[in-house]
All heavy atoms as atom14 arrays in JSON, in Angstrom:
{
  "sequence": "SGMNAYDGESKTQGIDFFVKTEFRQQTFWVSYTLSRTTENFSYFTDGK",
  "atom14_mask": [
    [1, 1, 1, 1, 1, 1, 0, 0, 0, 0, 0, 0, 0, 0],
    [1, 1, 1, 1, 0, 0, 0, 0, 0, 0, 0, 0, 0, 0],
    [1, 1, 1, 1, 1, 1, 1, 1, 0, 0, 0, 0, 0, 0],
    [1, 1, 1, 1, 1, 1, 1, 1, 0, 0, 0, 0, 0, 0],
    [1, 1, 1, 1, 1, 0, 0, 0, 0, 0, 0, 0, 0, 0],
    [1, 1, 1, 1, 1, 1, 1, 1, 1, 1, 1, 1, 0, 0],
    [1, 1, 1, 1, 1, 1, 1, 1, 0, 0, 0, 0, 0, 0],
    [1, 1, 1, 1, 0, 0, 0, 0, 0, 0, 0, 0, 0, 0],
    [1, 1, 1, 1, 1, 1, 1, 1, 1, 0, 0, 0, 0, 0],
    [1, 1, 1, 1, 1, 1, 0, 0, 0, 0, 0, 0, 0, 0],
    [1, 1, 1, 1, 1, 1, 1, 1, 1, 0, 0, 0, 0, 0],
    [1, 1, 1, 1, 1, 1, 1, 0, 0, 0, 0, 0, 0, 0],
    [1, 1, 1, 1, 1, 1, 1, 1, 1, 0, 0, 0, 0, 0],
    [1, 1, 1, 1, 0, 0, 0, 0, 0, 0, 0, 0, 0, 0],
    [1, 1, 1, 1, 1, 1, 1, 1, 0, 0, 0, 0, 0, 0],
    [1, 1, 1, 1, 1, 1, 1, 1, 0, 0, 0, 0, 0, 0],
    [1, 1, 1, 1, 1, 1, 1, 1, 1, 1, 1, 0, 0, 0],
    [1, 1, 1, 1, 1, 1, 1, 1, 1, 1, 1, 0, 0, 0],
    [1, 1, 1, 1, 1, 1, 1, 0, 0, 0, 0, 0, 0, 0],
    [1, 1, 1, 1, 1, 1, 1, 1, 1, 0, 0, 0, 0, 0],
    [1, 1, 1, 1, 1, 1, 1, 0, 0, 0, 0, 0, 0, 0],
    [1, 1, 1, 1, 1, 1, 1, 1, 1, 0, 0, 0, 0, 0],
    [1, 1, 1, 1, 1, 1, 1, 1, 1, 1, 1, 0, 0, 0],
    [1, 1, 1, 1, 1, 1, 1, 1, 1, 1, 1, 0, 0, 0],
    [1, 1, 1, 1, 1, 1, 1, 1, 1, 0, 0, 0, 0, 0],
    [1, 1, 1, 1, 1, 1, 1, 1, 1, 0, 0, 0, 0, 0],
    [1, 1, 1, 1, 1, 1, 1, 0, 0, 0, 0, 0, 0, 0],
    [1, 1, 1, 1, 1, 1, 1, 1, 1, 1, 1, 0, 0, 0],
    [1, 1, 1, 1, 1, 1, 1, 1, 1, 1, 1, 1, 1, 1],
    [1, 1, 1, 1, 1, 1, 1, 0, 0, 0, 0, 0, 0, 0],
    [1, 1, 1, 1, 1, 1, 0, 0, 0, 0, 0, 0, 0, 0],
    [1, 1, 1, 1, 1, 1, 1, 1, 1, 1, 1, 1, 0, 0],
    [1, 1, 1, 1, 1, 1, 1, 0, 0, 0, 0, 0, 0, 0],
    [1, 1, 1, 1, 1, 1, 1, 1, 0, 0, 0, 0, 0, 0],
    [1, 1, 1, 1, 1, 1, 0, 0, 0, 0, 0, 0, 0, 0],
    [1, 1, 1, 1, 1, 1, 1, 1, 1, 1, 1, 0, 0, 0],
    [1, 1, 1, 1, 1, 1, 1, 0, 0, 0, 0, 0, 0, 0],
    [1, 1, 1, 1, 1, 1, 1, 0, 0, 0, 0, 0, 0, 0],
    [1, 1, 1, 1, 1, 1, 1, 1, 1, 0, 0, 0, 0, 0],
    [1, 1, 1, 1, 1, 1, 1, 1, 0, 0, 0, 0, 0, 0],
    [1, 1, 1, 1, 1, 1, 1, 1, 1, 1, 1, 0, 0, 0],
    [1, 1, 1, 1, 1, 1, 0, 0, 0, 0, 0, 0, 0, 0],
    [1, 1, 1, 1, 1, 1, 1, 1, 1, 1, 1, 1, 0, 0],
    [1, 1, 1, 1, 1, 1, 1, 1, 1, 1, 1, 0, 0, 0],
    [1, 1, 1, 1, 1, 1, 1, 0, 0, 0, 0, 0, 0, 0],
    [1, 1, 1, 1, 1, 1, 1, 1, 0, 0, 0, 0, 0, 0],
    [1, 1, 1, 1, 0, 0, 0, 0, 0, 0, 0, 0, 0, 0],
    [1, 1, 1, 1, 1, 1, 1, 1, 1, 0, 0, 0, 0, 0]
  ],
  "atom14_positions": [
    [[194.39, 90.04, -60.27], [195.69, 89.79, -60.91], [196.71, 89.19, -59.95], [197.85, 88.94, -60.34], [196.24, 91.11, -61.46], [196.42, 92.07, -60.42], [0.0, 0.0, 0.0], [0.0, 0.0, 0.0], [0.0, 0.0, 0.0], [0.0, 0.0, 0.0], [0.0, 0.0, 0.0], [0.0, 0.0, 0.0], [0.0, 0.0, 0.0], [0.0, 0.0, 0.0]],
    [[196.31, 88.98, -58.7], [197.22, 88.39, -57.73], [197.39, 89.28, -56.52], [196.62, 90.22, -56.28], [0.0, 0.0, 0.0], [0.0, 0.0, 0.0], [0.0, 0.0, 0.0], [0.0, 0.0, 0.0], [0.0, 0.0, 0.0], [0.0, 0.0, 0.0], [0.0, 0.0, 0.0], [0.0, 0.0, 0.0], [0.0, 0.0, 0.0], [0.0, 0.0, 0.0]],
    [[198.41, 88.99, -55.71], [198.7, 89.77, -54.5], [199.58, 90.95, -54.86], [200.7, 90.78, -55.35], [199.4, 88.89, -53.46], [199.65, 89.58, -52.14], [198.13, 89.89, -51.21], [197.74, 88.21, -50.68], [0.0, 0.0, 0.0], [0.0, 0.0, 0.0], [0.0, 0.0, 0.0], [0.0, 0.0, 0.0], [0.0, 0.0, 0.0], [0.0, 0.0, 0.0]],
    [[199.06, 92.16, -54.67], [199.78, 93.37, -55.02], [200.12, 94.19, -53.77], [199.35, 94.21, -52.8], [198.96, 94.23, -55.97], [198.69, 93.53, -57.29], [199.57, 92.85, -57.82], [197.49, 93.68, -57.82], [0.0, 0.0, 0.0], [0.0, 0.0, 0.0], [0.0, 0.0, 0.0], [0.0, 0.0, 0.0], [0.0, 0.0, 0.0], [0.0, 0.0, 0.0]],
    [[201.26, 94.87, -53.81], [201.69, 95.71, -52.69], [201.44, 97.18, -53.04], [201.73, 97.62, -54.15], [203.18, 95.49, -52.41], [0.0, 0.0, 0.0], [0.0, 0.0, 0.0], [0.0, 0.0, 0.0], [0.0, 0.0, 0.0], [0.0, 0.0, 0.0], [0.0, 0.0, 0.0], [0.0, 0.0, 0.0], [0.0, 0.0, 0.0], [0.0, 0.0, 0.0]],
    [[200.9, 97.94, -52.06], [200.61, 99.36, -52.26], [201.24, 100.15, -51.12], [201.17, 99.74, -49.96], [199.1, 99.61, -52.29], [198.39, 98.88, -53.41], [197.87, 97.6, -53.22], [198.23, 99.47, -54.66], [197.21, 96.92, -54.25], [197.57, 98.82, -55.7], [197.07, 97.54, -55.48], [196.43, 96.89, -56.5], [0.0, 0.0, 0.0], [0.0, 0.0, 0.0]],
    [[201.85, 101.28, -51.47], [202.47, 102.12, -50.44], [201.45, 103.13, -49.92], [200.47, 103.45, -50.58], [203.7, 102.84, -50.98], [203.35, 103.76, -52.14], [202.44, 103.43, -52.91], [203.98, 104.83, -52.27], [0.0, 0.0, 0.0], [0.0, 0.0, 0.0], [0.0, 0.0, 0.0], [0.0, 0.0, 0.0], [0.0, 0.0, 0.0], [0.0, 0.0, 0.0]],
    [[201.72, 103.63, -48.7], [200.79, 104.56, -48.09], [201.38, 105.31, -46.92], [202.57, 105.17, -46.6], [0.0, 0.0, 0.0], [0.0, 0.0, 0.0], [0.0, 0.0, 0.0], [0.0, 0.0, 0.0], [0.0, 0.0, 0.0], [0.0, 0.0, 0.0], [0.0, 0.0, 0.0], [0.0, 0.0, 0.0], [0.0, 0.0, 0.0], [0.0, 0.0, 0.0]],
    [[200.54, 106.1, -46.27], [200.95, 106.87, -45.1], [199.76, 107.01, -44.17], [198.61, 106.77, -44.55], [201.46, 108.25, -45.53], [200.44, 109.06, -46.32], [200.98, 110.4, -46.79], [201.69, 111.04, -45.99], [200.7, 110.79, -47.93], [0.0, 0.0, 0.0], [0.0, 0.0, 0.0], [0.0, 0.0, 0.0], [0.0, 0.0, 0.0], [0.0, 0.0, 0.0]],
    [[200.02, 107.4, -42.93], [198.94, 107.57, -41.95], [199.2, 108.79, -41.08], [200.35, 109.24, -40.93], [198.8, 106.32, -41.07], [199.91, 106.2, -40.19], [0.0, 0.0, 0.0], [0.0, 0.0, 0.0], [0.0, 0.0, 0.0], [0.0, 0.0, 0.0], [0.0, 0.0, 0.0], [0.0, 0.0, 0.0], [0.0, 0.0, 0.0], [0.0, 0.0, 0.0]],
    [[198.12, 109.32, -40.51], [198.2, 110.45, -39.59], [197.38, 110.12, -38.34], [196.28, 109.6, -38.42], [197.64, 111.72, -40.25], [198.44, 112.19, -41.47], [197.81, 113.44, -42.07], [198.61, 113.91, -43.29], [198.01, 115.12, -43.91], [0.0, 0.0, 0.0], [0.0, 0.0, 0.0], [0.0, 0.0, 0.0], [0.0, 0.0, 0.0], [0.0, 0.0, 0.0]],
    [[197.97, 110.46, -37.18], [197.3, 110.19, -35.91], [197.33, 111.44, -35.05], [198.37, 112.1, -34.93], [197.99, 109.04, -35.16], [197.93, 107.86, -35.94], [197.32, 108.79, -33.81], [0.0, 0.0, 0.0], [0.0, 0.0, 0.0], [0.0, 0.0, 0.0], [0.0, 0.0, 0.0], [0.0, 0.0, 0.0], [0.0, 0.0, 0.0], [0.0, 0.0, 0.0]],
    [[196.2, 111.78, -34.47], [196.11, 112.86, -33.49], [195.37, 112.3, -32.27], [194.43, 111.52, -32.41], [195.35, 114.07, -34.02], [195.9, 114.68, -35.31], [195.35, 114.04, -36.55], [194.2, 113.61, -36.56], [196.15, 113.97, -37.59], [0.0, 0.0, 0.0], [0.0, 0.0, 0.0], [0.0, 0.0, 0.0], [0.0, 0.0, 0.0], [0.0, 0.0, 0.0]],
    [[195.82, 112.69, -31.08], [195.14, 112.18, -29.9], [195.54, 112.92, -28.64], [196.46, 113.75, -28.63], [0.0, 0.0, 0.0], [0.0, 0.0, 0.0], [0.0, 0.0, 0.0], [0.0, 0.0, 0.0], [0.0, 0.0, 0.0], [0.0, 0.0, 0.0], [0.0, 0.0, 0.0], [0.0, 0.0, 0.0], [0.0, 0.0, 0.0], [0.0, 0.0, 0.0]],
    [[194.84, 112.58, -27.56], [195.14, 113.15, -26.25], [194.93, 112.07, -25.2], [193.97, 111.29, -25.26], [194.26, 114.4, -25.97], [194.67, 115.05, -24.65], [192.77, 114.06, -26.0], [194.05, 116.42, -24.44], [0.0, 0.0, 0.0], [0.0, 0.0, 0.0], [0.0, 0.0, 0.0], [0.0, 0.0, 0.0], [0.0, 0.0, 0.0], [0.0, 0.0, 0.0]],
    [[195.87, 111.98, -24.26], [195.82, 110.98, -23.19], [195.61, 111.67, -21.84], [196.24, 112.69, -21.55], [197.13, 110.19, -23.12], [197.35, 109.31, -24.34], [196.35, 108.86, -24.92], [198.52, 109.08, -24.7], [0.0, 0.0, 0.0], [0.0, 0.0, 0.0], [0.0, 0.0, 0.0], [0.0, 0.0, 0.0], [0.0, 0.0, 0.0], [0.0, 0.0, 0.0]],
    [[194.75, 111.07, -21.02], [194.53, 111.52, -19.64], [194.88, 110.38, -18.71], [194.53, 109.22, -18.97], [193.06, 111.92, -19.42], [192.58, 113.04, -20.31], [192.02, 112.75, -21.55], [192.68, 114.36, -19.9], [191.57, 113.76, -22.37], [192.23, 115.38, -20.72], [191.67, 115.08, -21.96], [0.0, 0.0, 0.0], [0.0, 0.0, 0.0], [0.0, 0.0, 0.0]],
    [[195.56, 110.7, -17.61], [196.0, 109.65, -16.67], [195.93, 110.17, -15.24], [196.38, 111.29, -14.96], [197.44, 109.23, -17.0], [198.03, 108.25, -16.02], [197.71, 106.91, -16.08], [198.9, 108.67, -15.03], [198.26, 106.0, -15.19], [199.46, 107.79, -14.13], [199.12, 106.44, -14.21], [0.0, 0.0, 0.0], [0.0, 0.0, 0.0], [0.0, 0.0, 0.0]],
    [[195.37, 109.35, -14.35], [195.3, 109.69, -12.92], [195.61, 108.43, -12.11], [195.06, 107.36, -12.39], [193.91, 110.23, -12.52], [193.88, 110.5, -11.01], [193.56, 111.49, -13.28], [0.0, 0.0, 0.0], [0.0, 0.0, 0.0], [0.0, 0.0, 0.0], [0.0, 0.0, 0.0], [0.0, 0.0, 0.0], [0.0, 0.0, 0.0], [0.0, 0.0, 0.0]],
    [[196.52, 108.56, -11.13], [196.87, 107.44, -10.27], [196.93, 107.91, -8.83], [197.4, 109.01, -8.54], [198.22, 106.84, -10.67], [198.62, 105.63, -9.84], [199.93, 105.03, -10.29], [201.12, 105.88, -9.89], [202.42, 105.21, -10.15], [0.0, 0.0, 0.0], [0.0, 0.0, 0.0], [0.0, 0.0, 0.0], [0.0, 0.0, 0.0], [0.0, 0.0, 0.0]],
    [[196.45, 107.06, -7.92], [196.52, 107.38, -6.51], [197.07, 106.19, -5.74], [196.78, 105.03, -6.07], [195.14, 107.77, -5.95], [195.25, 108.07, -4.55], [194.13, 106.65, -6.14], [0.0, 0.0, 0.0], [0.0, 0.0, 0.0], [0.0, 0.0, 0.0], [0.0, 0.0, 0.0], [0.0, 0.0, 0.0], [0.0, 0.0, 0.0], [0.0, 0.0, 0.0]],
    [[197.9, 106.46, -4.73], [198.5, 105.42, -3.9], [198.3, 105.79, -2.43], [198.54, 106.93, -2.03], [199.99, 105.28, -4.2], [200.31, 104.82, -5.6], [201.81, 104.7, -5.84], [202.57, 105.25, -5.02], [202.21, 104.07, -6.83], [0.0, 0.0, 0.0], [0.0, 0.0, 0.0], [0.0, 0.0, 0.0], [0.0, 0.0, 0.0], [0.0, 0.0, 0.0]],
    [[197.86, 104.82, -1.63], [197.72, 105.05, -0.19], [197.73, 103.7, 0.52], [197.12, 102.73, 0.06], [196.42, 105.8, 0.14], [195.15, 105.09, -0.27], [194.45, 104.3, 0.64], [194.66, 105.2, -1.56], [193.3, 103.64, 0.28], [193.5, 104.56, -1.94], [192.81, 103.77, -1.01], [0.0, 0.0, 0.0], [0.0, 0.0, 0.0], [0.0, 0.0, 0.0]],
    [[198.48, 103.61, 1.6], [198.57, 102.4, 2.41], [198.84, 101.16, 1.56], [198.18, 100.12, 1.7], [197.29, 102.21, 3.22], [197.02, 103.32, 4.22], [195.74, 103.09, 4.98], [195.47, 104.17, 5.92], [194.37, 104.25, 6.68], [193.44, 103.28, 6.59], [194.2, 105.25, 7.5], [0.0, 0.0, 0.0], [0.0, 0.0, 0.0], [0.0, 0.0, 0.0]],
    [[199.77, 101.25, 0.65], [200.19, 100.15, -0.23], [199.09, 99.71, -1.2], [199.17, 98.64, -1.78], [200.66, 98.94, 0.59], [201.92, 99.22, 1.4], [202.44, 97.98, 2.11], [201.69, 97.2, 2.67], [203.76, 97.8, 2.05], [0.0, 0.0, 0.0], [0.0, 0.0, 0.0], [0.0, 0.0, 0.0], [0.0, 0.0, 0.0], [0.0, 0.0, 0.0]],
    [[198.08, 100.54, -1.38], [197.04, 100.27, -2.37], [197.23, 101.24, -3.55], [197.57, 102.4, -3.35], [195.64, 100.43, -1.78], [195.46, 100.0, -0.34], [195.85, 98.55, -0.08], [195.7, 97.7, -0.93], [196.38, 98.29, 1.11], [0.0, 0.0, 0.0], [0.0, 0.0, 0.0], [0.0, 0.0, 0.0], [0.0, 0.0, 0.0], [0.0, 0.0, 0.0]],
    [[197.02, 100.75, -4.75], [197.22, 101.56, -5.94], [196.02, 101.45, -6.87], [195.55, 100.34, -7.14], [198.48, 101.12, -6.7], [199.62, 101.19, -5.83], [198.73, 102.02, -7.91], [0.0, 0.0, 0.0], [0.0, 0.0, 0.0], [0.0, 0.0, 0.0], [0.0, 0.0, 0.0], [0.0, 0.0, 0.0], [0.0, 0.0, 0.0], [0.0, 0.0, 0.0]],
    [[195.54, 102.6, -7.34], [194.44, 102.63, -8.31], [194.78, 103.65, -9.39], [195.32, 104.72, -9.08], [193.12, 103.02, -7.63], [192.68, 102.07, -6.55], [193.04, 102.31, -5.23], [191.94, 100.94, -6.85], [192.66, 101.44, -4.22], [191.56, 100.06, -5.85], [191.91, 100.31, -4.54], [0.0, 0.0, 0.0], [0.0, 0.0, 0.0], [0.0, 0.0, 0.0]],
    [[194.47, 103.34, -10.63], [194.7, 104.31, -11.68], [193.67, 104.15, -12.8], [193.08, 103.09, -12.99], [196.12, 104.24, -12.22], [196.56, 102.94, -12.85], [197.25, 101.92, -12.25], [196.36, 102.54, -14.21], [197.49, 100.93, -13.15], [196.97, 101.27, -14.36], [195.76, 103.13, -15.32], [196.97, 100.58, -15.57], [195.76, 102.45, -16.52], [196.35, 101.19, -16.63]],
    [[193.49, 105.23, -13.52], [192.56, 105.25, -14.66], [193.19, 106.08, -15.77], [193.86, 107.09, -15.51], [191.18, 105.83, -14.25], [191.32, 107.23, -13.69], [190.22, 105.81, -15.43], [0.0, 0.0, 0.0], [0.0, 0.0, 0.0], [0.0, 0.0, 0.0], [0.0, 0.0, 0.0], [0.0, 0.0, 0.0], [0.0, 0.0, 0.0], [0.0, 0.0, 0.0]],
    [[193.01, 105.64, -17.0], [193.52, 106.39, -18.15], [192.47, 106.4, -19.25], [191.66, 105.46, -19.37], [194.83, 105.77, -18.69], [194.58, 104.5, -19.25], [0.0, 0.0, 0.0], [0.0, 0.0, 0.0], [0.0, 0.0, 0.0], [0.0, 0.0, 0.0], [0.0, 0.0, 0.0], [0.0, 0.0, 0.0], [0.0, 0.0, 0.0], [0.0, 0.0, 0.0]],
    [[192.49, 107.46, -20.02], [191.54, 107.59, -21.13], [192.26, 108.2, -22.33], [193.04, 109.14, -22.18], [190.37, 108.49, -20.73], [189.49, 108.89, -21.9], [188.63, 107.96, -22.5], [189.53, 110.18, -22.41], [187.84, 108.32, -23.57], [188.73, 110.55, -23.48], [187.89, 109.61, -24.06], [187.11, 109.96, -25.13], [0.0, 0.0, 0.0], [0.0, 0.0, 0.0]],
    [[192.01, 107.65, -23.5], [192.62, 108.13, -24.73], [191.54, 108.47, -25.75], [190.64, 107.65, -26.0], [193.57, 107.08, -25.34], [194.63, 106.82, -24.43], [194.14, 107.58, -26.66], [0.0, 0.0, 0.0], [0.0, 0.0, 0.0], [0.0, 0.0, 0.0], [0.0, 0.0, 0.0], [0.0, 0.0, 0.0], [0.0, 0.0, 0.0], [0.0, 0.0, 0.0]],
    [[191.63, 109.66, -26.29], [190.77, 110.09, -27.4], [191.69, 110.3, -28.59], [192.61, 111.11, -28.53], [190.03, 111.38, -27.05], [189.23, 112.04, -28.19], [188.09, 111.13, -28.63], [188.71, 113.4, -27.75], [0.0, 0.0, 0.0], [0.0, 0.0, 0.0], [0.0, 0.0, 0.0], [0.0, 0.0, 0.0], [0.0, 0.0, 0.0], [0.0, 0.0, 0.0]],
    [[191.47, 109.57, -29.68], [192.4, 109.65, -30.8], [191.67, 109.45, -32.13], [190.53, 108.98, -32.17], [193.51, 108.61, -30.66], [192.99, 107.3, -30.75], [0.0, 0.0, 0.0], [0.0, 0.0, 0.0], [0.0, 0.0, 0.0], [0.0, 0.0, 0.0], [0.0, 0.0, 0.0], [0.0, 0.0, 0.0], [0.0, 0.0, 0.0], [0.0, 0.0, 0.0]],
    [[192.39, 109.78, -33.19], [191.87, 109.6, -34.55], [193.04, 109.25, -35.45], [194.06, 109.96, -35.48], [191.17, 110.86, -35.05], [190.58, 110.75, -36.45], [189.76, 112.0, -36.76], [189.11, 111.91, -38.06], [189.6, 112.43, -39.18], [190.76, 113.1, -39.15], [188.96, 112.31, -40.33], [0.0, 0.0, 0.0], [0.0, 0.0, 0.0], [0.0, 0.0, 0.0]],
    [[192.91, 108.15, -36.2], [193.96, 107.71, -37.12], [193.39, 107.54, -38.51], [192.41, 106.81, -38.7], [194.59, 106.38, -36.65], [195.13, 106.53, -35.34], [195.69, 105.94, -37.6], [0.0, 0.0, 0.0], [0.0, 0.0, 0.0], [0.0, 0.0, 0.0], [0.0, 0.0, 0.0], [0.0, 0.0, 0.0], [0.0, 0.0, 0.0], [0.0, 0.0, 0.0]],
    [[194.0, 108.21, -39.47], [193.57, 108.1, -40.87], [194.73, 107.61, -41.72], [195.9, 107.74, -41.32], [193.06, 109.44, -41.41], [194.09, 110.43, -41.26], [191.81, 109.9, -40.65], [0.0, 0.0, 0.0], [0.0, 0.0, 0.0], [0.0, 0.0, 0.0], [0.0, 0.0, 0.0], [0.0, 0.0, 0.0], [0.0, 0.0, 0.0], [0.0, 0.0, 0.0]],
    [[194.42, 107.07, -42.89], [195.46, 106.53, -43.76], [195.11, 106.79, -45.22], [193.94, 107.02, -45.57], [195.62, 105.03, -43.53], [194.36, 104.24, -43.86], [194.46, 102.77, -43.51], [195.4, 102.4, -42.76], [193.61, 101.98, -43.95], [0.0, 0.0, 0.0], [0.0, 0.0, 0.0], [0.0, 0.0, 0.0], [0.0, 0.0, 0.0], [0.0, 0.0, 0.0]],
    [[196.13, 106.76, -46.06], [195.94, 106.94, -47.5], [196.89, 106.01, -48.23], [198.11, 106.07, -48.02], [196.19, 108.39, -47.91], [195.92, 108.62, -49.38], [195.23, 107.83, -50.03], [196.44, 109.7, -49.92], [0.0, 0.0, 0.0], [0.0, 0.0, 0.0], [0.0, 0.0, 0.0], [0.0, 0.0, 0.0], [0.0, 0.0, 0.0], [0.0, 0.0, 0.0]],
    [[196.37, 105.11, -49.06], [197.18, 104.19, -49.85], [196.99, 104.46, -51.33], [195.98, 105.05, -51.75], [196.8, 102.74, -49.52], [197.37, 102.24, -48.22], [196.69, 102.44, -47.04], [198.6, 101.6, -48.18], [197.21, 102.0, -45.83], [199.13, 101.16, -46.99], [198.45, 101.35, -45.81], [0.0, 0.0, 0.0], [0.0, 0.0, 0.0], [0.0, 0.0, 0.0]],
    [[197.94, 104.02, -52.11], [197.94, 104.32, -53.54], [196.8, 103.67, -54.29], [196.49, 104.07, -55.41], [199.28, 103.9, -54.16], [199.57, 102.53, -53.88], [0.0, 0.0, 0.0], [0.0, 0.0, 0.0], [0.0, 0.0, 0.0], [0.0, 0.0, 0.0], [0.0, 0.0, 0.0], [0.0, 0.0, 0.0], [0.0, 0.0, 0.0], [0.0, 0.0, 0.0]],
    [[196.13, 102.67, -53.71], [195.0, 102.06, -54.39], [193.68, 102.76, -54.08], [192.64, 102.38, -54.61], [194.92, 100.56, -54.09], [194.53, 100.21, -52.67], [193.2, 99.99, -52.33], [195.49, 100.07, -51.68], [192.85, 99.62, -51.05], [195.16, 99.71, -50.4], [193.83, 99.5, -50.08], [193.48, 99.15, -48.8], [0.0, 0.0, 0.0], [0.0, 0.0, 0.0]],
    [[193.69, 103.8, -53.21], [192.48, 104.57, -52.96], [192.18, 105.4, -54.21], [193.02, 106.19, -54.66], [192.67, 105.5, -51.77], [192.73, 104.78, -50.44], [192.65, 103.4, -50.35], [192.88, 105.5, -49.26], [192.71, 102.74, -49.13], [192.93, 104.85, -48.02], [192.85, 103.48, -47.97], [0.0, 0.0, 0.0], [0.0, 0.0, 0.0], [0.0, 0.0, 0.0]],
    [[191.0, 105.26, -54.75], [190.68, 105.91, -56.03], [190.53, 107.42, -55.91], [190.79, 108.16, -56.86], [189.39, 105.33, -56.61], [188.33, 105.45, -55.64], [189.58, 103.85, -56.96], [0.0, 0.0, 0.0], [0.0, 0.0, 0.0], [0.0, 0.0, 0.0], [0.0, 0.0, 0.0], [0.0, 0.0, 0.0], [0.0, 0.0, 0.0], [0.0, 0.0, 0.0]],
    [[190.13, 107.93, -54.73], [189.91, 109.37, -54.59], [191.12, 110.1, -54.01], [191.14, 111.33, -53.93], [188.68, 109.65, -53.73], [188.76, 109.01, -52.35], [189.84, 108.45, -52.01], [187.76, 109.06, -51.6], [0.0, 0.0, 0.0], [0.0, 0.0, 0.0], [0.0, 0.0, 0.0], [0.0, 0.0, 0.0], [0.0, 0.0, 0.0], [0.0, 0.0, 0.0]],
    [[192.15, 109.36, -53.56], [193.35, 109.98, -53.03], [193.18, 110.64, -51.68], [194.08, 111.35, -51.22], [0.0, 0.0, 0.0], [0.0, 0.0, 0.0], [0.0, 0.0, 0.0], [0.0, 0.0, 0.0], [0.0, 0.0, 0.0], [0.0, 0.0, 0.0], [0.0, 0.0, 0.0], [0.0, 0.0, 0.0], [0.0, 0.0, 0.0], [0.0, 0.0, 0.0]],
    [[192.06, 110.39, -51.0], [191.79, 111.04, -49.71], [192.17, 110.11, -48.56], [192.22, 108.89, -48.7], [190.31, 111.42, -49.61], [189.85, 112.45, -50.63], [188.37, 112.76, -50.44], [187.89, 113.81, -51.43], [186.44, 114.12, -51.28], [0.0, 0.0, 0.0], [0.0, 0.0, 0.0], [0.0, 0.0, 0.0], [0.0, 0.0, 0.0], [0.0, 0.0, 0.0]]
  ]
}
């Protein structure tokens, strides 16, 4: 029927880890993210 607009919402849960070290003007760092993002729009037939 054409281009239709649908409203919705989302949920995000996550955890971030970060480590950085500096010595003699040298810098190194590492980061890790574990997350989960879900969404629900009005065109979803099951509402989940």
